[in-house]
Amino acid sequence: MATSTTSSSGVTTTSLPDVVALVGRLLLAYLFVPAGFSKIAGFAGTVGYITSKGLPLPEVAAAIAIVIELGFGLALLVGFKARIAAFGLAVFTLVAAIFFHNYWAVPEAQQMMQTLMFNKNLGIVGGLLAFVAFGAGRLSIDKR
């Protein structure tokens, strides 16, 4: 992989890993930021969905989901405290997988779709944990 270099004029060029990290952050944030806004716009529906899963304090849970998805999603997007944001999103995504995509407890007709959604969430958790381990890259607020 390419690395960053400094030209004779003192300008540092961006490496391929930095660009890839930026694209990864953008794509992960694309999942969370719009979801947070949609939960605000459809707060009652979000509360109803959480209620349908039998979780306690659905209004509080919906508010927490909004704060996590928007707050940590935007932080990851710009690379501000990205390791903390990625960890928070990873925990949130794992919890969401367990409570909202519990393929082991749904009717057989729903098991395939819920298994796919559960496994997708696990993959997202893996991508987020990579940011926890390696940081946001040089194209981030953390590196400024």
N, C-alpha and C. Protein backbone atom coordinates (compact mmCIF):
# COMPACT_ATOMS: atom_id res chain seq x y z
N MET A 1 0.83 -1.18 0.00
CA MET A 1 0.00 0.00 0.00
C MET A 1 0.87 1.24 0.00
N ALA A 2 0.33 2.29 -0.55
CA ALA A 2 1.06 3.55 -0.59
C ALA A 2 1.11 4.17 0.80
N THR A 3 2.12 4.93 1.04
CA THR A 3 2.22 5.66 2.31
C THR A 3 2.26 7.14 2.02
N SER A 4 2.10 7.95 3.04
CA SER A 4 2.16 9.38 2.82
C SER A 4 3.61 9.80 2.64
N THR A 5 3.79 10.78 1.80
CA THR A 5 5.13 11.31 1.55
C THR A 5 5.07 12.83 1.61
N THR A 6 6.22 13.42 1.86
CA THR A 6 6.32 14.87 1.86
C THR A 6 7.13 15.28 0.65
N SER A 7 6.55 16.17 -0.15
CA SER A 7 7.23 16.62 -1.35
C SER A 7 8.31 17.65 -0.99
N SER A 8 9.09 18.04 -1.98
CA SER A 8 10.15 19.02 -1.75
C SER A 8 9.60 20.37 -1.31
N SER A 9 8.31 20.62 -1.61
CA SER A 9 7.69 21.88 -1.18
C SER A 9 7.12 21.79 0.23
N GLY A 10 7.26 20.63 0.88
CA GLY A 10 6.78 20.46 2.25
C GLY A 10 5.33 20.04 2.35
N VAL A 11 4.69 19.72 1.22
CA VAL A 11 3.29 19.31 1.22
C VAL A 11 3.23 17.79 1.43
N THR A 12 2.41 17.37 2.38
CA THR A 12 2.24 15.94 2.64
C THR A 12 1.11 15.42 1.77
N THR A 13 1.38 14.35 1.06
CA THR A 13 0.34 13.74 0.23
C THR A 13 -0.38 12.67 1.04
N THR A 14 -1.57 12.35 0.62
CA THR A 14 -2.40 11.39 1.32
C THR A 14 -2.13 9.98 0.80
N SER A 15 -2.09 9.03 1.73
CA SER A 15 -1.85 7.65 1.35
C SER A 15 -3.16 6.94 1.06
N LEU A 16 -3.07 5.85 0.35
CA LEU A 16 -4.24 5.04 0.04
C LEU A 16 -4.94 4.55 1.31
N PRO A 17 -4.24 4.08 2.34
CA PRO A 17 -4.95 3.68 3.56
C PRO A 17 -5.76 4.82 4.20
N ASP A 18 -5.27 6.04 4.10
CA ASP A 18 -6.02 7.18 4.64
C ASP A 18 -7.32 7.39 3.88
N VAL A 19 -7.26 7.27 2.57
CA VAL A 19 -8.45 7.43 1.74
C VAL A 19 -9.43 6.28 2.00
N VAL A 20 -8.91 5.07 2.12
CA VAL A 20 -9.76 3.91 2.38
C VAL A 20 -10.44 4.06 3.75
N ALA A 21 -9.71 4.52 4.75
CA ALA A 21 -10.31 4.74 6.08
C ALA A 21 -11.42 5.78 6.00
N LEU A 22 -11.20 6.85 5.24
CA LEU A 22 -12.22 7.88 5.07
C LEU A 22 -13.46 7.31 4.42
N VAL A 23 -13.27 6.55 3.34
CA VAL A 23 -14.42 5.94 2.65
C VAL A 23 -15.14 4.98 3.60
N GLY A 24 -14.41 4.20 4.37
CA GLY A 24 -15.03 3.30 5.34
C GLY A 24 -15.86 4.05 6.36
N ARG A 25 -15.32 5.16 6.87
CA ARG A 25 -16.08 5.97 7.83
C ARG A 25 -17.33 6.55 7.19
N LEU A 26 -17.22 7.02 5.96
CA LEU A 26 -18.38 7.59 5.26
C LEU A 26 -19.47 6.54 5.09
N LEU A 27 -19.08 5.34 4.68
CA LEU A 27 -20.06 4.29 4.44
C LEU A 27 -20.72 3.81 5.73
N LEU A 28 -19.96 3.69 6.79
CA LEU A 28 -20.55 3.29 8.07
C LEU A 28 -21.47 4.40 8.60
N ALA A 29 -21.04 5.64 8.49
CA ALA A 29 -21.87 6.75 8.95
C ALA A 29 -23.16 6.83 8.14
N TYR A 30 -23.10 6.42 6.88
CA TYR A 30 -24.28 6.41 6.02
C TYR A 30 -25.38 5.50 6.57
N LEU A 31 -25.01 4.51 7.33
CA LEU A 31 -26.00 3.64 7.97
C LEU A 31 -26.66 4.32 9.17
N PHE A 32 -25.85 5.02 9.97
CA PHE A 32 -26.32 5.49 11.26
C PHE A 32 -26.94 6.88 11.24
N VAL A 33 -26.36 7.82 10.54
CA VAL A 33 -26.84 9.21 10.57
C VAL A 33 -28.26 9.32 10.00
N PRO A 34 -28.53 8.81 8.80
CA PRO A 34 -29.91 8.89 8.32
C PRO A 34 -30.90 8.12 9.20
N ALA A 35 -30.45 7.01 9.79
CA ALA A 35 -31.34 6.25 10.69
C ALA A 35 -31.70 7.08 11.91
N GLY A 36 -30.73 7.83 12.43
CA GLY A 36 -31.01 8.71 13.56
C GLY A 36 -32.03 9.78 13.21
N PHE A 37 -31.86 10.41 12.04
CA PHE A 37 -32.82 11.43 11.61
C PHE A 37 -34.21 10.84 11.39
N SER A 38 -34.27 9.63 10.83
CA SER A 38 -35.58 9.01 10.59
C SER A 38 -36.27 8.66 11.91
N LYS A 39 -35.49 8.34 12.93
CA LYS A 39 -36.08 8.07 14.24
C LYS A 39 -36.66 9.35 14.85
N ILE A 40 -36.04 10.48 14.58
CA ILE A 40 -36.60 11.75 15.05
C ILE A 40 -37.91 12.03 14.32
N ALA A 41 -37.89 11.90 13.00
CA ALA A 41 -39.08 12.19 12.19
C ALA A 41 -40.23 11.24 12.50
N GLY A 42 -39.89 10.01 12.81
CA GLY A 42 -40.91 9.00 13.11
C GLY A 42 -40.79 8.49 14.53
N PHE A 43 -40.68 9.42 15.47
CA PHE A 43 -40.43 9.03 16.87
C PHE A 43 -41.50 8.09 17.40
N ALA A 44 -42.75 8.39 17.13
CA ALA A 44 -43.85 7.54 17.63
C ALA A 44 -43.74 6.13 17.06
N GLY A 45 -43.43 6.03 15.80
CA GLY A 45 -43.26 4.71 15.18
C GLY A 45 -42.09 3.95 15.77
N THR A 46 -41.00 4.67 16.05
CA THR A 46 -39.83 4.04 16.67
C THR A 46 -40.19 3.52 18.05
N VAL A 47 -40.90 4.33 18.82
CA VAL A 47 -41.34 3.91 20.16
C VAL A 47 -42.24 2.69 20.05
N GLY A 48 -43.14 2.70 19.09
CA GLY A 48 -44.04 1.56 18.88
C GLY A 48 -43.29 0.29 18.54
N TYR A 49 -42.27 0.42 17.70
CA TYR A 49 -41.48 -0.76 17.32
C TYR A 49 -40.72 -1.31 18.52
N ILE A 50 -40.13 -0.43 19.30
CA ILE A 50 -39.41 -0.86 20.50
C ILE A 50 -40.38 -1.51 21.48
N THR A 51 -41.57 -0.93 21.62
CA THR A 51 -42.59 -1.50 22.48
C THR A 51 -42.98 -2.90 22.01
N SER A 52 -43.09 -3.08 20.70
CA SER A 52 -43.49 -4.38 20.15
C SER A 52 -42.48 -5.48 20.45
N LYS A 53 -41.25 -5.09 20.75
CA LYS A 53 -40.22 -6.07 21.10
C LYS A 53 -40.19 -6.35 22.60
N GLY A 54 -41.06 -5.68 23.35
CA GLY A 54 -41.17 -5.92 24.79
C GLY A 54 -40.06 -5.30 25.62
N LEU A 55 -39.37 -4.32 25.07
CA LEU A 55 -38.28 -3.68 25.82
C LEU A 55 -38.84 -2.62 26.76
N PRO A 56 -38.21 -2.44 27.91
CA PRO A 56 -38.69 -1.45 28.87
C PRO A 56 -38.35 -0.02 28.43
N LEU A 57 -39.11 0.93 28.92
CA LEU A 57 -38.88 2.36 28.69
C LEU A 57 -38.64 2.68 27.21
N PRO A 58 -39.61 2.39 26.35
CA PRO A 58 -39.38 2.56 24.91
C PRO A 58 -39.08 3.99 24.49
N GLU A 59 -39.66 4.99 25.16
CA GLU A 59 -39.37 6.38 24.81
C GLU A 59 -37.91 6.71 25.12
N VAL A 60 -37.43 6.23 26.26
CA VAL A 60 -36.03 6.46 26.63
C VAL A 60 -35.11 5.72 25.67
N ALA A 61 -35.47 4.48 25.34
CA ALA A 61 -34.65 3.69 24.41
C ALA A 61 -34.58 4.37 23.04
N ALA A 62 -35.71 4.92 22.58
CA ALA A 62 -35.72 5.61 21.29
C ALA A 62 -34.83 6.84 21.34
N ALA A 63 -34.90 7.59 22.41
CA ALA A 63 -34.05 8.78 22.55
C ALA A 63 -32.57 8.39 22.59
N ILE A 64 -32.25 7.33 23.31
CA ILE A 64 -30.87 6.86 23.36
C ILE A 64 -30.40 6.43 21.97
N ALA A 65 -31.25 5.73 21.24
CA ALA A 65 -30.89 5.30 19.89
C ALA A 65 -30.60 6.50 18.99
N ILE A 66 -31.40 7.55 19.11
CA ILE A 66 -31.18 8.76 18.32
C ILE A 66 -29.85 9.40 18.66
N VAL A 67 -29.58 9.53 19.95
CA VAL A 67 -28.32 10.14 20.38
C VAL A 67 -27.12 9.32 19.90
N ILE A 68 -27.21 8.01 20.01
CA ILE A 68 -26.10 7.16 19.58
C ILE A 68 -25.93 7.22 18.07
N GLU A 69 -27.01 7.02 17.34
CA GLU A 69 -26.89 6.99 15.88
C GLU A 69 -26.45 8.34 15.31
N LEU A 70 -27.04 9.42 15.79
CA LEU A 70 -26.64 10.74 15.29
C LEU A 70 -25.30 11.19 15.87
N GLY A 71 -25.19 11.14 17.17
CA GLY A 71 -23.97 11.64 17.82
C GLY A 71 -22.73 10.86 17.44
N PHE A 72 -22.77 9.57 17.69
CA PHE A 72 -21.60 8.74 17.35
C PHE A 72 -21.44 8.60 15.84
N GLY A 73 -22.56 8.58 15.11
CA GLY A 73 -22.47 8.48 13.65
C GLY A 73 -21.78 9.69 13.05
N LEU A 74 -22.14 10.89 13.51
CA LEU A 74 -21.48 12.11 13.01
C LEU A 74 -20.03 12.18 13.47
N ALA A 75 -19.75 11.75 14.70
CA ALA A 75 -18.37 11.73 15.19
C ALA A 75 -17.52 10.80 14.34
N LEU A 76 -18.04 9.63 14.02
CA LEU A 76 -17.30 8.71 13.16
C LEU A 76 -17.10 9.32 11.77
N LEU A 77 -18.13 9.94 11.26
CA LEU A 77 -18.07 10.56 9.93
C LEU A 77 -16.90 11.52 9.80
N VAL A 78 -16.75 12.40 10.77
CA VAL A 78 -15.69 13.41 10.69
C VAL A 78 -14.39 12.96 11.36
N GLY A 79 -14.45 11.80 12.01
CA GLY A 79 -13.25 11.29 12.66
C GLY A 79 -12.92 12.00 13.95
N PHE A 80 -13.93 12.37 14.72
CA PHE A 80 -13.73 13.02 16.01
C PHE A 80 -13.96 11.99 17.11
N LYS A 81 -12.92 11.72 17.91
CA LYS A 81 -13.01 10.68 18.93
C LYS A 81 -13.56 9.40 18.29
N ALA A 82 -12.99 9.08 17.14
CA ALA A 82 -13.53 8.01 16.30
C ALA A 82 -13.49 6.64 16.98
N ARG A 83 -12.47 6.38 17.77
CA ARG A 83 -12.41 5.07 18.44
C ARG A 83 -13.55 4.92 19.44
N ILE A 84 -13.83 5.97 20.19
CA ILE A 84 -14.94 5.94 21.15
C ILE A 84 -16.26 5.82 20.41
N ALA A 85 -16.43 6.61 19.35
CA ALA A 85 -17.66 6.58 18.56
C ALA A 85 -17.87 5.20 17.95
N ALA A 86 -16.82 4.63 17.39
CA ALA A 86 -16.94 3.31 16.77
C ALA A 86 -17.29 2.25 17.81
N PHE A 87 -16.70 2.36 19.00
CA PHE A 87 -17.01 1.39 20.05
C PHE A 87 -18.47 1.51 20.48
N GLY A 88 -18.94 2.74 20.67
CA GLY A 88 -20.33 2.94 21.04
C GLY A 88 -21.29 2.41 19.99
N LEU A 89 -20.98 2.67 18.73
CA LEU A 89 -21.82 2.16 17.64
C LEU A 89 -21.75 0.64 17.55
N ALA A 90 -20.59 0.06 17.83
CA ALA A 90 -20.45 -1.40 17.80
C ALA A 90 -21.32 -2.05 18.87
N VAL A 91 -21.28 -1.51 20.08
CA VAL A 91 -22.11 -2.05 21.17
C VAL A 91 -23.59 -1.88 20.82
N PHE A 92 -23.95 -0.70 20.35
CA PHE A 92 -25.34 -0.42 19.97
C PHE A 92 -25.81 -1.41 18.89
N THR A 93 -24.98 -1.64 17.89
CA THR A 93 -25.34 -2.52 16.77
C THR A 93 -25.48 -3.97 17.23
N LEU A 94 -24.60 -4.39 18.12
CA LEU A 94 -24.69 -5.75 18.66
C LEU A 94 -25.97 -5.92 19.48
N VAL A 95 -26.28 -4.95 20.31
CA VAL A 95 -27.51 -5.00 21.11
C VAL A 95 -28.73 -5.01 20.19
N ALA A 96 -28.70 -4.17 19.16
CA ALA A 96 -29.82 -4.13 18.21
C ALA A 96 -29.98 -5.47 17.50
N ALA A 97 -28.89 -6.10 17.15
CA ALA A 97 -28.96 -7.42 16.50
C ALA A 97 -29.64 -8.43 17.40
N ILE A 98 -29.27 -8.43 18.66
CA ILE A 98 -29.81 -9.40 19.60
C ILE A 98 -31.31 -9.19 19.85
N PHE A 99 -31.73 -7.94 20.03
CA PHE A 99 -33.12 -7.67 20.37
C PHE A 99 -34.04 -7.52 19.17
N PHE A 100 -33.53 -7.06 18.03
CA PHE A 100 -34.41 -6.77 16.91
C PHE A 100 -34.26 -7.74 15.74
N HIS A 101 -33.24 -8.56 15.75
CA HIS A 101 -33.05 -9.54 14.68
C HIS A 101 -32.82 -10.93 15.27
N ASN A 102 -33.58 -11.25 16.30
CA ASN A 102 -33.45 -12.52 17.01
C ASN A 102 -34.11 -13.64 16.21
N TYR A 103 -33.40 -14.08 15.19
CA TYR A 103 -33.89 -15.08 14.26
C TYR A 103 -34.28 -16.39 14.96
N TRP A 104 -33.72 -16.65 16.10
CA TRP A 104 -33.98 -17.89 16.83
C TRP A 104 -35.35 -17.87 17.52
N ALA A 105 -36.01 -16.71 17.55
CA ALA A 105 -37.27 -16.60 18.28
C ALA A 105 -38.41 -16.09 17.40
N VAL A 106 -38.24 -16.13 16.08
CA VAL A 106 -39.29 -15.64 15.19
C VAL A 106 -39.90 -16.81 14.44
N PRO A 107 -41.09 -16.63 13.85
CA PRO A 107 -41.69 -17.70 13.04
C PRO A 107 -40.76 -18.10 11.88
N GLU A 108 -40.90 -19.33 11.47
CA GLU A 108 -40.02 -19.88 10.42
C GLU A 108 -40.01 -19.02 9.15
N ALA A 109 -41.14 -18.42 8.82
CA ALA A 109 -41.22 -17.59 7.62
C ALA A 109 -40.32 -16.36 7.70
N GLN A 110 -39.98 -15.93 8.91
CA GLN A 110 -39.14 -14.73 9.11
C GLN A 110 -37.68 -15.07 9.40
N GLN A 111 -37.38 -16.33 9.64
CA GLN A 111 -36.04 -16.70 10.10
C GLN A 111 -34.94 -16.36 9.11
N MET A 112 -35.15 -16.59 7.83
CA MET A 112 -34.08 -16.32 6.87
C MET A 112 -33.74 -14.83 6.82
N MET A 113 -34.75 -13.98 6.76
CA MET A 113 -34.50 -12.53 6.70
C MET A 113 -33.86 -12.05 7.99
N GLN A 114 -34.35 -12.51 9.13
CA GLN A 114 -33.78 -12.06 10.40
C GLN A 114 -32.36 -12.60 10.60
N THR A 115 -32.08 -13.79 10.07
CA THR A 115 -30.71 -14.31 10.12
C THR A 115 -29.78 -13.43 9.30
N LEU A 116 -30.23 -13.05 8.11
CA LEU A 116 -29.43 -12.15 7.26
C LEU A 116 -29.17 -10.81 7.96
N MET A 117 -30.20 -10.25 8.57
CA MET A 117 -30.05 -8.96 9.25
C MET A 117 -29.13 -9.09 10.46
N PHE A 118 -29.26 -10.18 11.21
CA PHE A 118 -28.39 -10.41 12.36
C PHE A 118 -26.94 -10.51 11.91
N ASN A 119 -26.70 -11.31 10.88
CA ASN A 119 -25.33 -11.48 10.38
C ASN A 119 -24.77 -10.20 9.78
N LYS A 120 -25.62 -9.42 9.12
CA LYS A 120 -25.19 -8.11 8.60
C LYS A 120 -24.73 -7.22 9.75
N ASN A 121 -25.49 -7.21 10.82
CA ASN A 121 -25.11 -6.41 11.98
C ASN A 121 -23.78 -6.87 12.56
N LEU A 122 -23.56 -8.18 12.62
CA LEU A 122 -22.28 -8.68 13.12
C LEU A 122 -21.13 -8.21 12.22
N GLY A 123 -21.34 -8.19 10.92
CA GLY A 123 -20.32 -7.68 10.01
C GLY A 123 -20.05 -6.20 10.24
N ILE A 124 -21.09 -5.43 10.48
CA ILE A 124 -20.93 -4.00 10.77
C ILE A 124 -20.15 -3.83 12.07
N VAL A 125 -20.46 -4.63 13.08
CA VAL A 125 -19.71 -4.58 14.33
C VAL A 125 -18.23 -4.83 14.06
N GLY A 126 -17.93 -5.80 13.21
CA GLY A 126 -16.53 -6.07 12.86
C GLY A 126 -15.85 -4.88 12.22
N GLY A 127 -16.52 -4.22 11.29
CA GLY A 127 -15.95 -3.03 10.66
C GLY A 127 -15.73 -1.91 11.66
N LEU A 128 -16.67 -1.74 12.57
CA LEU A 128 -16.53 -0.71 13.60
C LEU A 128 -15.37 -1.02 14.54
N LEU A 129 -15.21 -2.30 14.88
CA LEU A 129 -14.11 -2.68 15.77
C LEU A 129 -12.75 -2.44 15.12
N ALA A 130 -12.68 -2.51 13.79
CA ALA A 130 -11.43 -2.17 13.11
C ALA A 130 -11.07 -0.70 13.34
N PHE A 131 -12.08 0.17 13.35
CA PHE A 131 -11.81 1.59 13.66
C PHE A 131 -11.44 1.77 15.13
N VAL A 132 -12.01 0.96 16.00
CA VAL A 132 -11.61 1.00 17.41
C VAL A 132 -10.13 0.65 17.51
N ALA A 133 -9.71 -0.37 16.79
CA ALA A 133 -8.32 -0.84 16.87
C ALA A 133 -7.33 0.10 16.20
N PHE A 134 -7.68 0.62 15.03
CA PHE A 134 -6.71 1.33 14.21
C PHE A 134 -6.94 2.83 14.09
N GLY A 135 -8.07 3.32 14.58
CA GLY A 135 -8.35 4.74 14.51
C GLY A 135 -8.95 5.15 13.17
N ALA A 136 -9.15 6.45 13.04
CA ALA A 136 -9.89 7.01 11.90
C ALA A 136 -9.03 7.28 10.68
N GLY A 137 -7.73 7.22 10.81
CA GLY A 137 -6.85 7.57 9.69
C GLY A 137 -6.49 9.04 9.73
N ARG A 138 -5.57 9.43 8.85
CA ARG A 138 -5.06 10.79 8.87
C ARG A 138 -6.07 11.83 8.38
N LEU A 139 -7.07 11.41 7.60
CA LEU A 139 -8.07 12.35 7.09
C LEU A 139 -9.23 12.44 8.08
N SER A 140 -8.91 12.89 9.29
CA SER A 140 -9.91 12.95 10.34
C SER A 140 -9.56 14.10 11.30
N ILE A 141 -10.53 14.51 12.07
CA ILE A 141 -10.30 15.52 13.09
C ILE A 141 -9.31 15.01 14.12
N ASP A 142 -9.40 13.73 14.43
CA ASP A 142 -8.47 13.15 15.42
C ASP A 142 -7.01 13.36 15.05
N LYS A 143 -6.70 13.41 13.77
CA LYS A 143 -5.30 13.52 13.32
C LYS A 143 -4.89 14.97 13.03
N ARG A 144 -5.79 15.92 13.23
CA ARG A 144 -5.47 17.33 12.97
C ARG A 144 -4.81 17.96 14.17
